[in-house]
Amino acid sequence: MLADAWLLAPLTLLAVLAVSGIAKAGKPGVTLAAMRDLRVPERLRRRWIAQTLPWGEAALAVALLIGSGWVLQGVSLAVAALMAGYLLLVVLAVRRPEPADCACFGELGASQVTGRTVLRNALLLAGAAVTVWGAFNGRSTWQSLAALGPAAVGWLAGALGLGLLGWTV
C-alpha cells in the first residue's frame, strides 16, 4: 500500500498542470499581464510563450500519465524545473511591497500572490521531487495505476476526492 502512495504526487501534478493549462488556453493577455506582475525577465515575456505555455502544461500532464522509462524521467525533470521556476517567481513576488497577480490558473479563483501561493508551490515542487524519484526508480504512473488492487484504488480515490474538496473550499 505504501508503495502505491507515491502515485499521489504525479496524479496531483498532472491534475494541477491540466487545470492550469486548460484555464490559461486562449487567454495569452492574462498570462502576459501575470508575467509582468511577476517580473518575469523581459526576454521571456513574449506573446508566443504566453500562447504556448498552456499547451506545454497540458502536454506535461498527459506525459506524466502515459510516459514511462526515459520519457517519464525527462518529463518529471521538466515538471520539477517548471515547479522550481514557478516557486522562485512567487517567492520573489511575495517579498515585494506591491501586490502581484500570478494568474496561476488563468482566471479561475483568486490569483494574488500570498504566502499560501508560496506554500502551494513548495508542495508542488516536493511532489515533483517524489515524481522524479518514482520515474528514476522505474515507476510509471499508468502502469502503477493499472496494477492497483481494489483497496488501493479506494484509498487513492478518497485522497483525490479530499484534494478536490480542499481545492473547492
N, C-alpha and C. Protein backbone atom coordinates (compact mmCIF):
# COMPACT_ATOMS: atom_id res chain seq x y z
N MET A 1 0.83 -1.20 0.00
CA MET A 1 0.00 0.00 0.00
C MET A 1 0.86 1.25 0.00
N LEU A 2 1.92 1.25 0.85
CA LEU A 2 2.80 2.41 0.91
C LEU A 2 3.48 2.65 -0.43
N ALA A 3 3.82 1.57 -1.12
CA ALA A 3 4.46 1.71 -2.43
C ALA A 3 3.54 2.41 -3.42
N ASP A 4 2.23 2.28 -3.24
CA ASP A 4 1.26 2.93 -4.13
C ASP A 4 1.05 4.41 -3.79
N ALA A 5 1.43 4.82 -2.58
CA ALA A 5 1.20 6.20 -2.14
C ALA A 5 1.96 7.21 -3.00
N TRP A 6 3.07 6.81 -3.60
CA TRP A 6 3.84 7.73 -4.43
C TRP A 6 2.99 8.25 -5.58
N LEU A 7 1.96 7.51 -5.98
CA LEU A 7 1.10 7.92 -7.09
C LEU A 7 0.39 9.24 -6.84
N LEU A 8 0.19 9.60 -5.57
CA LEU A 8 -0.48 10.86 -5.28
C LEU A 8 0.29 12.04 -5.86
N ALA A 9 1.62 11.96 -5.87
CA ALA A 9 2.43 13.07 -6.38
C ALA A 9 2.23 13.30 -7.88
N PRO A 10 2.46 12.30 -8.75
CA PRO A 10 2.27 12.57 -10.17
C PRO A 10 0.81 12.84 -10.54
N LEU A 11 -0.13 12.21 -9.83
CA LEU A 11 -1.54 12.47 -10.14
C LEU A 11 -1.94 13.89 -9.76
N THR A 12 -1.43 14.37 -8.63
CA THR A 12 -1.71 15.75 -8.23
C THR A 12 -1.10 16.72 -9.24
N LEU A 13 0.15 16.46 -9.60
CA LEU A 13 0.81 17.34 -10.57
C LEU A 13 0.10 17.34 -11.92
N LEU A 14 -0.30 16.17 -12.38
CA LEU A 14 -0.96 16.16 -13.69
C LEU A 14 -2.31 16.85 -13.62
N ALA A 15 -3.01 16.74 -12.50
CA ALA A 15 -4.29 17.46 -12.36
C ALA A 15 -4.06 18.97 -12.34
N VAL A 16 -3.06 19.41 -11.58
CA VAL A 16 -2.76 20.84 -11.49
C VAL A 16 -2.34 21.39 -12.85
N LEU A 17 -1.46 20.67 -13.53
CA LEU A 17 -1.00 21.12 -14.85
C LEU A 17 -2.14 21.14 -15.87
N ALA A 18 -3.00 20.13 -15.82
CA ALA A 18 -4.13 20.08 -16.77
C ALA A 18 -5.09 21.24 -16.52
N VAL A 19 -5.46 21.46 -15.27
CA VAL A 19 -6.38 22.55 -14.93
C VAL A 19 -5.76 23.89 -15.29
N SER A 20 -4.50 24.06 -14.94
CA SER A 20 -3.80 25.31 -15.23
C SER A 20 -3.72 25.56 -16.74
N GLY A 21 -3.35 24.54 -17.48
CA GLY A 21 -3.25 24.68 -18.93
C GLY A 21 -4.57 24.99 -19.58
N ILE A 22 -5.62 24.27 -19.18
CA ILE A 22 -6.95 24.50 -19.76
C ILE A 22 -7.45 25.89 -19.41
N ALA A 23 -7.22 26.32 -18.16
CA ALA A 23 -7.71 27.62 -17.72
C ALA A 23 -7.00 28.78 -18.42
N LYS A 24 -5.75 28.58 -18.81
CA LYS A 24 -4.98 29.63 -19.47
C LYS A 24 -5.14 29.63 -21.00
N ALA A 25 -5.60 28.52 -21.54
CA ALA A 25 -5.67 28.38 -23.00
C ALA A 25 -6.53 29.48 -23.62
N GLY A 26 -6.03 30.06 -24.67
CA GLY A 26 -6.77 31.09 -25.39
C GLY A 26 -6.81 32.44 -24.71
N LYS A 27 -6.04 32.61 -23.63
CA LYS A 27 -6.03 33.88 -22.89
C LYS A 27 -4.60 34.37 -22.69
N PRO A 28 -3.86 34.57 -23.77
CA PRO A 28 -2.47 34.99 -23.60
C PRO A 28 -2.32 36.36 -22.94
N GLY A 29 -3.32 37.22 -23.08
CA GLY A 29 -3.26 38.54 -22.44
C GLY A 29 -3.20 38.43 -20.93
N VAL A 30 -3.97 37.51 -20.37
CA VAL A 30 -3.97 37.29 -18.92
C VAL A 30 -2.60 36.78 -18.48
N THR A 31 -2.05 35.85 -19.25
CA THR A 31 -0.73 35.29 -18.92
C THR A 31 0.35 36.35 -19.04
N LEU A 32 0.29 37.18 -20.08
CA LEU A 32 1.28 38.24 -20.24
C LEU A 32 1.21 39.25 -19.10
N ALA A 33 0.00 39.60 -18.67
CA ALA A 33 -0.16 40.52 -17.54
C ALA A 33 0.45 39.92 -16.27
N ALA A 34 0.23 38.63 -16.06
CA ALA A 34 0.81 37.96 -14.90
C ALA A 34 2.33 37.93 -14.99
N MET A 35 2.85 37.72 -16.20
CA MET A 35 4.31 37.73 -16.38
C MET A 35 4.90 39.09 -16.01
N ARG A 36 4.18 40.15 -16.36
CA ARG A 36 4.64 41.50 -15.98
C ARG A 36 4.59 41.66 -14.46
N ASP A 37 3.47 41.26 -13.86
CA ASP A 37 3.32 41.37 -12.40
C ASP A 37 4.40 40.59 -11.66
N LEU A 38 4.72 39.42 -12.16
CA LEU A 38 5.70 38.56 -11.51
C LEU A 38 7.14 38.94 -11.87
N ARG A 39 7.27 39.91 -12.75
CA ARG A 39 8.58 40.39 -13.21
C ARG A 39 9.39 39.28 -13.86
N VAL A 40 8.71 38.50 -14.68
CA VAL A 40 9.41 37.51 -15.49
C VAL A 40 10.38 38.28 -16.38
N PRO A 41 11.60 37.79 -16.56
CA PRO A 41 12.56 38.52 -17.40
C PRO A 41 11.97 38.90 -18.76
N GLU A 42 12.30 40.09 -19.19
CA GLU A 42 11.75 40.67 -20.43
C GLU A 42 11.88 39.72 -21.62
N ARG A 43 13.02 39.06 -21.75
CA ARG A 43 13.23 38.19 -22.91
C ARG A 43 12.27 37.00 -22.94
N LEU A 44 11.67 36.68 -21.79
CA LEU A 44 10.70 35.58 -21.73
C LEU A 44 9.26 36.06 -21.82
N ARG A 45 9.04 37.35 -21.73
CA ARG A 45 7.68 37.90 -21.80
C ARG A 45 7.29 38.12 -23.25
N ARG A 46 7.00 37.05 -23.92
CA ARG A 46 6.63 37.09 -25.33
C ARG A 46 5.24 36.49 -25.50
N ARG A 47 4.51 37.05 -26.45
CA ARG A 47 3.15 36.57 -26.70
C ARG A 47 3.16 35.08 -27.07
N TRP A 48 4.12 34.67 -27.89
CA TRP A 48 4.15 33.26 -28.31
C TRP A 48 4.39 32.34 -27.11
N ILE A 49 5.16 32.81 -26.12
CA ILE A 49 5.36 32.00 -24.91
C ILE A 49 4.06 31.92 -24.11
N ALA A 50 3.38 33.06 -23.99
CA ALA A 50 2.09 33.08 -23.28
C ALA A 50 1.05 32.20 -23.98
N GLN A 51 1.12 32.12 -25.30
CA GLN A 51 0.19 31.28 -26.06
C GLN A 51 0.55 29.80 -25.96
N THR A 52 1.84 29.51 -25.85
CA THR A 52 2.33 28.13 -25.84
C THR A 52 2.30 27.50 -24.45
N LEU A 53 2.48 28.31 -23.42
CA LEU A 53 2.57 27.81 -22.05
C LEU A 53 1.42 26.88 -21.66
N PRO A 54 0.16 27.25 -21.92
CA PRO A 54 -0.93 26.35 -21.52
C PRO A 54 -0.85 24.98 -22.19
N TRP A 55 -0.45 24.96 -23.45
CA TRP A 55 -0.37 23.69 -24.18
C TRP A 55 0.82 22.88 -23.67
N GLY A 56 1.87 23.56 -23.27
CA GLY A 56 3.01 22.86 -22.68
C GLY A 56 2.65 22.23 -21.35
N GLU A 57 1.89 22.96 -20.53
CA GLU A 57 1.45 22.40 -19.24
C GLU A 57 0.54 21.19 -19.47
N ALA A 58 -0.37 21.31 -20.42
CA ALA A 58 -1.28 20.19 -20.72
C ALA A 58 -0.51 18.98 -21.25
N ALA A 59 0.48 19.23 -22.10
CA ALA A 59 1.29 18.14 -22.65
C ALA A 59 2.08 17.45 -21.54
N LEU A 60 2.61 18.23 -20.61
CA LEU A 60 3.33 17.63 -19.48
C LEU A 60 2.38 16.77 -18.64
N ALA A 61 1.15 17.22 -18.46
CA ALA A 61 0.16 16.44 -17.70
C ALA A 61 -0.08 15.09 -18.37
N VAL A 62 -0.30 15.12 -19.66
CA VAL A 62 -0.54 13.87 -20.40
C VAL A 62 0.69 12.96 -20.32
N ALA A 63 1.86 13.55 -20.49
CA ALA A 63 3.09 12.76 -20.46
C ALA A 63 3.35 12.16 -19.08
N LEU A 64 2.96 12.87 -18.01
CA LEU A 64 3.08 12.30 -16.66
C LEU A 64 2.20 11.06 -16.51
N LEU A 65 1.08 11.07 -17.19
CA LEU A 65 0.16 9.94 -17.09
C LEU A 65 0.62 8.75 -17.92
N ILE A 66 0.99 8.99 -19.16
CA ILE A 66 1.25 7.86 -20.07
C ILE A 66 2.73 7.57 -20.32
N GLY A 67 3.62 8.47 -19.90
CA GLY A 67 5.04 8.26 -20.15
C GLY A 67 5.62 7.15 -19.29
N SER A 68 6.71 6.58 -19.78
CA SER A 68 7.44 5.58 -19.00
C SER A 68 8.91 5.64 -19.40
N GLY A 69 9.74 4.98 -18.62
CA GLY A 69 11.16 4.92 -18.93
C GLY A 69 11.80 6.29 -19.01
N TRP A 70 12.70 6.44 -19.99
CA TRP A 70 13.44 7.69 -20.12
C TRP A 70 12.54 8.87 -20.45
N VAL A 71 11.40 8.61 -21.11
CA VAL A 71 10.47 9.70 -21.41
C VAL A 71 9.91 10.27 -20.11
N LEU A 72 9.46 9.41 -19.22
CA LEU A 72 8.92 9.87 -17.94
C LEU A 72 10.01 10.52 -17.10
N GLN A 73 11.22 10.02 -17.17
CA GLN A 73 12.32 10.64 -16.44
C GLN A 73 12.52 12.09 -16.91
N GLY A 74 12.56 12.27 -18.23
CA GLY A 74 12.74 13.62 -18.77
C GLY A 74 11.57 14.53 -18.44
N VAL A 75 10.36 14.00 -18.55
CA VAL A 75 9.16 14.79 -18.25
C VAL A 75 9.13 15.16 -16.77
N SER A 76 9.47 14.22 -15.91
CA SER A 76 9.44 14.53 -14.47
C SER A 76 10.48 15.59 -14.12
N LEU A 77 11.64 15.54 -14.77
CA LEU A 77 12.65 16.59 -14.55
C LEU A 77 12.16 17.94 -15.07
N ALA A 78 11.48 17.93 -16.23
CA ALA A 78 10.94 19.18 -16.78
C ALA A 78 9.87 19.75 -15.85
N VAL A 79 9.01 18.90 -15.30
CA VAL A 79 7.99 19.36 -14.37
C VAL A 79 8.63 19.92 -13.11
N ALA A 80 9.66 19.25 -12.61
CA ALA A 80 10.36 19.75 -11.41
C ALA A 80 10.99 21.12 -11.69
N ALA A 81 11.59 21.28 -12.86
CA ALA A 81 12.20 22.57 -13.21
C ALA A 81 11.13 23.65 -13.32
N LEU A 82 9.99 23.32 -13.93
CA LEU A 82 8.89 24.27 -14.06
C LEU A 82 8.37 24.68 -12.69
N MET A 83 8.17 23.69 -11.80
CA MET A 83 7.67 23.99 -10.45
C MET A 83 8.69 24.82 -9.66
N ALA A 84 9.97 24.55 -9.84
CA ALA A 84 11.01 25.34 -9.17
C ALA A 84 10.98 26.78 -9.69
N GLY A 85 10.82 26.94 -10.99
CA GLY A 85 10.73 28.29 -11.55
C GLY A 85 9.51 29.03 -11.06
N TYR A 86 8.37 28.35 -11.03
CA TYR A 86 7.15 28.98 -10.51
C TYR A 86 7.32 29.37 -9.05
N LEU A 87 7.93 28.49 -8.26
CA LEU A 87 8.15 28.78 -6.84
C LEU A 87 9.05 30.01 -6.68
N LEU A 88 10.11 30.08 -7.44
CA LEU A 88 11.01 31.23 -7.37
C LEU A 88 10.26 32.52 -7.69
N LEU A 89 9.45 32.51 -8.74
CA LEU A 89 8.70 33.71 -9.12
C LEU A 89 7.76 34.18 -8.01
N VAL A 90 7.05 33.24 -7.38
CA VAL A 90 6.09 33.66 -6.35
C VAL A 90 6.79 34.07 -5.05
N VAL A 91 7.92 33.43 -4.73
CA VAL A 91 8.68 33.85 -3.55
C VAL A 91 9.16 35.28 -3.73
N LEU A 92 9.72 35.58 -4.89
CA LEU A 92 10.19 36.94 -5.15
C LEU A 92 9.03 37.93 -5.15
N ALA A 93 7.89 37.53 -5.70
CA ALA A 93 6.72 38.43 -5.77
C ALA A 93 6.16 38.72 -4.38
N VAL A 94 6.10 37.74 -3.53
CA VAL A 94 5.51 37.94 -2.20
C VAL A 94 6.42 38.80 -1.32
N ARG A 95 7.67 38.88 -1.65
CA ARG A 95 8.61 39.70 -0.88
C ARG A 95 8.57 41.17 -1.27
N ARG A 96 7.94 41.47 -2.40
CA ARG A 96 7.85 42.87 -2.85
C ARG A 96 6.71 43.57 -2.12
N PRO A 97 6.82 44.89 -1.97
CA PRO A 97 5.76 45.62 -1.25
C PRO A 97 4.46 45.72 -2.04
N GLU A 98 4.52 45.76 -3.35
CA GLU A 98 3.29 45.88 -4.14
C GLU A 98 2.72 44.49 -4.44
N PRO A 99 1.39 44.38 -4.46
CA PRO A 99 0.77 43.08 -4.73
C PRO A 99 1.02 42.64 -6.17
N ALA A 100 0.99 41.33 -6.38
CA ALA A 100 1.19 40.77 -7.72
C ALA A 100 0.16 39.68 -7.95
N ASP A 101 -0.30 39.58 -9.17
CA ASP A 101 -1.21 38.50 -9.57
C ASP A 101 -0.42 37.50 -10.39
N CYS A 102 -0.65 36.22 -10.14
CA CYS A 102 0.08 35.19 -10.87
C CYS A 102 -0.73 34.59 -12.01
N ALA A 103 -2.05 34.68 -11.94
CA ALA A 103 -2.89 34.01 -12.93
C ALA A 103 -2.45 32.55 -13.09
N CYS A 104 -2.09 31.95 -11.98
CA CYS A 104 -1.58 30.58 -11.98
C CYS A 104 -2.57 29.60 -12.62
N PHE A 105 -3.84 29.88 -12.43
CA PHE A 105 -4.89 29.04 -13.01
C PHE A 105 -5.78 29.90 -13.90
N GLY A 106 -5.14 30.74 -14.71
CA GLY A 106 -5.88 31.61 -15.61
C GLY A 106 -6.75 32.56 -14.81
N GLU A 107 -8.02 32.55 -15.14
CA GLU A 107 -8.96 33.42 -14.43
C GLU A 107 -9.76 32.66 -13.38
N LEU A 108 -9.36 31.41 -13.08
CA LEU A 108 -10.04 30.62 -12.05
C LEU A 108 -9.55 31.07 -10.68
N GLY A 109 -10.44 31.40 -9.80
CA GLY A 109 -10.10 31.71 -8.42
C GLY A 109 -9.25 32.95 -8.24
N ALA A 110 -8.85 33.17 -7.01
CA ALA A 110 -8.01 34.32 -6.67
C ALA A 110 -6.61 34.09 -7.25
N SER A 111 -6.01 35.17 -7.70
CA SER A 111 -4.69 35.00 -8.30
C SER A 111 -3.63 35.87 -7.64
N GLN A 112 -3.99 36.59 -6.57
CA GLN A 112 -2.99 37.40 -5.90
C GLN A 112 -2.01 36.49 -5.19
N VAL A 113 -0.73 36.80 -5.35
CA VAL A 113 0.32 36.00 -4.75
C VAL A 113 0.39 36.31 -3.25
N THR A 114 0.30 35.24 -2.46
CA THR A 114 0.36 35.35 -1.00
C THR A 114 1.26 34.24 -0.46
N GLY A 115 1.36 34.19 0.84
CA GLY A 115 2.10 33.10 1.47
C GLY A 115 1.50 31.75 1.13
N ARG A 116 0.19 31.70 0.95
CA ARG A 116 -0.47 30.43 0.57
C ARG A 116 -0.02 29.99 -0.82
N THR A 117 0.19 30.96 -1.72
CA THR A 117 0.68 30.63 -3.05
C THR A 117 2.07 30.01 -2.95
N VAL A 118 2.90 30.59 -2.10
CA VAL A 118 4.25 30.06 -1.90
C VAL A 118 4.18 28.64 -1.34
N LEU A 119 3.34 28.44 -0.32
CA LEU A 119 3.19 27.11 0.27
C LEU A 119 2.71 26.10 -0.77
N ARG A 120 1.69 26.48 -1.55
CA ARG A 120 1.17 25.57 -2.59
C ARG A 120 2.28 25.20 -3.56
N ASN A 121 3.03 26.19 -4.02
CA ASN A 121 4.08 25.90 -5.00
C ASN A 121 5.23 25.09 -4.40
N ALA A 122 5.52 25.30 -3.10
CA ALA A 122 6.54 24.49 -2.44
C ALA A 122 6.08 23.03 -2.36
N LEU A 123 4.81 22.82 -2.06
CA LEU A 123 4.27 21.46 -2.01
C LEU A 123 4.28 20.81 -3.40
N LEU A 124 3.98 21.61 -4.42
CA LEU A 124 4.03 21.08 -5.79
C LEU A 124 5.46 20.71 -6.17
N LEU A 125 6.42 21.50 -5.75
CA LEU A 125 7.82 21.16 -6.03
C LEU A 125 8.21 19.88 -5.28
N ALA A 126 7.75 19.72 -4.05
CA ALA A 126 8.02 18.49 -3.31
C ALA A 126 7.39 17.30 -4.04
N GLY A 127 6.17 17.47 -4.54
CA GLY A 127 5.53 16.42 -5.31
C GLY A 127 6.31 16.10 -6.58
N ALA A 128 6.87 17.12 -7.19
CA ALA A 128 7.69 16.90 -8.39
C ALA A 128 8.94 16.10 -8.04
N ALA A 129 9.53 16.37 -6.88
CA ALA A 129 10.70 15.61 -6.44
C ALA A 129 10.35 14.13 -6.25
N VAL A 130 9.19 13.87 -5.65
CA VAL A 130 8.73 12.48 -5.47
C VAL A 130 8.50 11.83 -6.84
N THR A 131 7.95 12.60 -7.77
CA THR A 131 7.70 12.08 -9.11
C THR A 131 9.01 11.76 -9.83
N VAL A 132 10.00 12.61 -9.68
CA VAL A 132 11.33 12.33 -10.26
C VAL A 132 11.87 11.04 -9.66
N TRP A 133 11.78 10.91 -8.33
CA TRP A 133 12.25 9.69 -7.67
C TRP A 133 11.54 8.46 -8.26
N GLY A 134 10.23 8.55 -8.39
CA GLY A 134 9.48 7.42 -8.94
C GLY A 134 9.90 7.09 -10.36
N ALA A 135 10.07 8.12 -11.17
CA ALA A 135 10.43 7.90 -12.58
C ALA A 135 11.80 7.24 -12.69
N PHE A 136 12.73 7.65 -11.84
CA PHE A 136 14.08 7.08 -11.90
C PHE A 136 14.17 5.73 -11.18
N ASN A 137 13.09 5.32 -10.53
CA ASN A 137 13.04 4.00 -9.90
C ASN A 137 12.07 3.09 -10.64
N GLY A 138 11.83 3.40 -11.90
CA GLY A 138 11.04 2.51 -12.76
C GLY A 138 9.55 2.52 -12.50
N ARG A 139 9.04 3.57 -11.88
CA ARG A 139 7.61 3.63 -11.60
C ARG A 139 6.91 4.49 -12.64
N SER A 140 6.09 3.87 -13.43
CA SER A 140 5.28 4.57 -14.42
C SER A 140 3.91 4.82 -13.82
N THR A 141 3.40 6.02 -13.99
CA THR A 141 2.10 6.36 -13.42
C THR A 141 1.02 5.43 -13.95
N TRP A 142 0.95 5.29 -15.26
CA TRP A 142 -0.11 4.48 -15.87
C TRP A 142 0.02 3.01 -15.47
N GLN A 143 1.22 2.46 -15.53
CA GLN A 143 1.41 1.06 -15.16
C GLN A 143 1.12 0.84 -13.68
N SER A 144 1.50 1.80 -12.85
CA SER A 144 1.21 1.67 -11.42
C SER A 144 -0.28 1.75 -11.14
N LEU A 145 -0.98 2.63 -11.85
CA LEU A 145 -2.43 2.70 -11.70
C LEU A 145 -3.09 1.39 -12.11
N ALA A 146 -2.63 0.83 -13.22
CA ALA A 146 -3.23 -0.41 -13.73
C ALA A 146 -3.00 -1.58 -12.77
N ALA A 147 -1.92 -1.53 -12.00
CA ALA A 147 -1.59 -2.63 -11.10
C ALA A 147 -2.23 -2.51 -9.71
N LEU A 148 -2.93 -1.40 -9.46
CA LEU A 148 -3.52 -1.21 -8.13
C LEU A 148 -4.61 -2.24 -7.84
N GLY A 149 -4.64 -2.67 -6.60
CA GLY A 149 -5.72 -3.52 -6.14
C GLY A 149 -6.92 -2.68 -5.74
N PRO A 150 -8.06 -3.31 -5.48
CA PRO A 150 -9.28 -2.57 -5.13
C PRO A 150 -9.13 -1.68 -3.89
N ALA A 151 -8.43 -2.15 -2.87
CA ALA A 151 -8.26 -1.34 -1.65
C ALA A 151 -7.44 -0.08 -1.95
N ALA A 152 -6.39 -0.24 -2.72
CA ALA A 152 -5.55 0.91 -3.07
C ALA A 152 -6.32 1.90 -3.94
N VAL A 153 -7.14 1.40 -4.83
CA VAL A 153 -7.96 2.29 -5.67
C VAL A 153 -8.90 3.10 -4.79
N GLY A 154 -9.49 2.46 -3.79
CA GLY A 154 -10.38 3.15 -2.86
C GLY A 154 -9.66 4.25 -2.10
N TRP A 155 -8.49 3.95 -1.57
CA TRP A 155 -7.71 4.96 -0.85
C TRP A 155 -7.30 6.10 -1.77
N LEU A 156 -6.88 5.76 -2.96
CA LEU A 156 -6.47 6.77 -3.92
C LEU A 156 -7.64 7.66 -4.31
N ALA A 157 -8.78 7.07 -4.59
CA ALA A 157 -9.97 7.85 -4.94
C ALA A 157 -10.37 8.77 -3.78
N GLY A 158 -10.30 8.25 -2.55
CA GLY A 158 -10.62 9.07 -1.39
C GLY A 158 -9.66 10.23 -1.22
N ALA A 159 -8.37 9.98 -1.41
CA ALA A 159 -7.37 11.05 -1.29
C ALA A 159 -7.58 12.11 -2.37
N LEU A 160 -7.84 11.67 -3.59
CA LEU A 160 -8.08 12.63 -4.66
C LEU A 160 -9.38 13.42 -4.42
N GLY A 161 -10.39 12.75 -3.89
CA GLY A 161 -11.64 13.42 -3.56
C GLY A 161 -11.43 14.49 -2.49
N LEU A 162 -10.65 14.15 -1.47
CA LEU A 162 -10.34 15.16 -0.43
C LEU A 162 -9.56 16.33 -1.01
N GLY A 163 -8.65 16.02 -1.92
CA GLY A 163 -7.89 17.09 -2.58
C GLY A 163 -8.81 18.01 -3.37
N LEU A 164 -9.74 17.44 -4.10
CA LEU A 164 -10.70 18.24 -4.86
C LEU A 164 -11.57 19.07 -3.94
N LEU A 165 -12.00 18.47 -2.84
CA LEU A 165 -12.82 19.20 -1.87
C LEU A 165 -12.04 20.37 -1.30
N GLY A 166 -10.78 20.12 -0.93
CA GLY A 166 -9.94 21.20 -0.41
C GLY A 166 -9.75 22.31 -1.42
N TRP A 167 -9.61 21.95 -2.69
CA TRP A 167 -9.42 22.94 -3.74
C TRP A 167 -10.65 23.81 -3.91
N THR A 168 -11.85 23.23 -3.78
CA THR A 168 -13.06 23.99 -3.95
C THR A 168 -13.32 24.94 -2.77
N VAL A 169 -12.81 24.58 -1.60
CA VAL A 169 -13.00 25.42 -0.42
C VAL A 169 -12.06 26.60 -0.53
